[in-house]
Amino acid sequence: AMERFFVDLDGEQPCGLYELVLAQVEEPLLQSVLNHTRGNQTKAARLLGINRNTLRKKLKLYGLSDGE
């Protein structure tokens, strides 16, 4: 997928590539894990190997938090 991305750029230099790719992958990953754990953030954080507070911050960033 990345090779196609670079071809599609047609010589233009990408900017902020890390954040762009991370956002494309991280949001659906978080949503999928939350679905799997039926919204249990503690279990989701454990599955992801991150701290629950980090998970909550990421959920807020992507608008996936329920305001708790």
Protein backbone atom coordinates (compact mmCIF):
# COMPACT_ATOMS: atom_id res chain seq x y z
CA ALA A 1 0.00 0.00 0.00
CA MET A 2 2.85 2.39 0.78
CA GLU A 3 4.54 1.78 -2.56
CA ARG A 4 1.29 2.67 -4.34
CA PHE A 5 1.00 5.78 -2.19
CA PHE A 6 4.47 6.91 -3.30
CA VAL A 7 3.67 6.21 -6.96
CA ASP A 8 0.43 8.19 -6.65
CA LEU A 9 2.37 11.16 -5.28
CA ASP A 10 3.94 11.52 -8.74
CA GLY A 11 7.16 13.02 -7.44
CA GLU A 12 5.62 15.23 -4.75
CA GLN A 13 7.27 15.00 -1.35
CA PRO A 14 4.92 13.82 1.40
CA CYS A 15 4.76 15.73 4.67
CA GLY A 16 3.71 14.26 7.99
CA LEU A 17 3.70 10.73 6.59
CA TYR A 18 4.04 9.01 9.96
CA GLU A 19 1.00 10.76 11.42
CA LEU A 20 -1.00 10.20 8.22
CA VAL A 21 -0.38 6.45 8.17
CA LEU A 22 -0.81 6.07 11.92
CA ALA A 23 -4.20 7.81 11.83
CA GLN A 24 -5.35 5.57 8.98
CA VAL A 25 -4.41 2.41 10.88
CA GLU A 26 -4.86 3.35 14.53
CA GLU A 27 -8.48 4.51 14.50
CA PRO A 28 -9.93 1.35 12.93
CA LEU A 29 -7.67 -0.78 15.15
CA LEU A 30 -8.99 0.92 18.29
CA GLN A 31 -12.58 0.60 17.10
CA SER A 32 -12.13 -3.08 16.30
CA VAL A 33 -10.56 -3.88 19.66
CA LEU A 34 -13.26 -1.93 21.50
CA ASN A 35 -15.92 -3.85 19.60
CA HIS A 36 -14.19 -7.11 20.50
CA THR A 37 -14.10 -6.17 24.20
CA ARG A 38 -17.67 -4.81 24.08
CA GLY A 39 -16.41 -1.37 25.05
CA ASN A 40 -14.34 -2.52 28.02
CA GLN A 41 -11.43 -0.09 27.92
CA THR A 42 -9.36 -1.97 30.49
CA LYS A 43 -9.51 -5.16 28.42
CA ALA A 44 -8.92 -3.21 25.21
CA ALA A 45 -5.82 -1.52 26.64
CA ARG A 46 -4.50 -4.88 27.83
CA LEU A 47 -5.01 -6.42 24.37
CA LEU A 48 -3.27 -3.48 22.72
CA GLY A 49 -0.41 -3.52 25.23
CA ILE A 50 -0.91 0.11 26.22
CA ASN A 51 -1.89 1.91 29.40
CA ARG A 52 -5.63 2.53 29.83
CA ASN A 53 -5.02 6.28 30.14
CA THR A 54 -3.15 6.22 26.83
CA LEU A 55 -6.08 4.38 25.28
CA ARG A 56 -8.54 6.94 26.63
CA LYS A 57 -6.43 9.78 25.20
CA LYS A 58 -6.35 8.09 21.79
CA LEU A 59 -10.10 7.43 21.88
CA LYS A 60 -10.70 11.11 22.58
CA LEU A 61 -8.34 12.10 19.76
CA TYR A 62 -10.33 10.05 17.25
CA GLY A 63 -13.72 10.94 18.69
CA LEU A 64 -14.33 7.38 19.84
CA SER A 65 -14.75 8.15 23.53
CA ASP A 66 -18.17 8.25 25.11
CA GLY A 67 -17.29 11.18 27.34
CA GLU A 68 -16.48 9.13 30.43
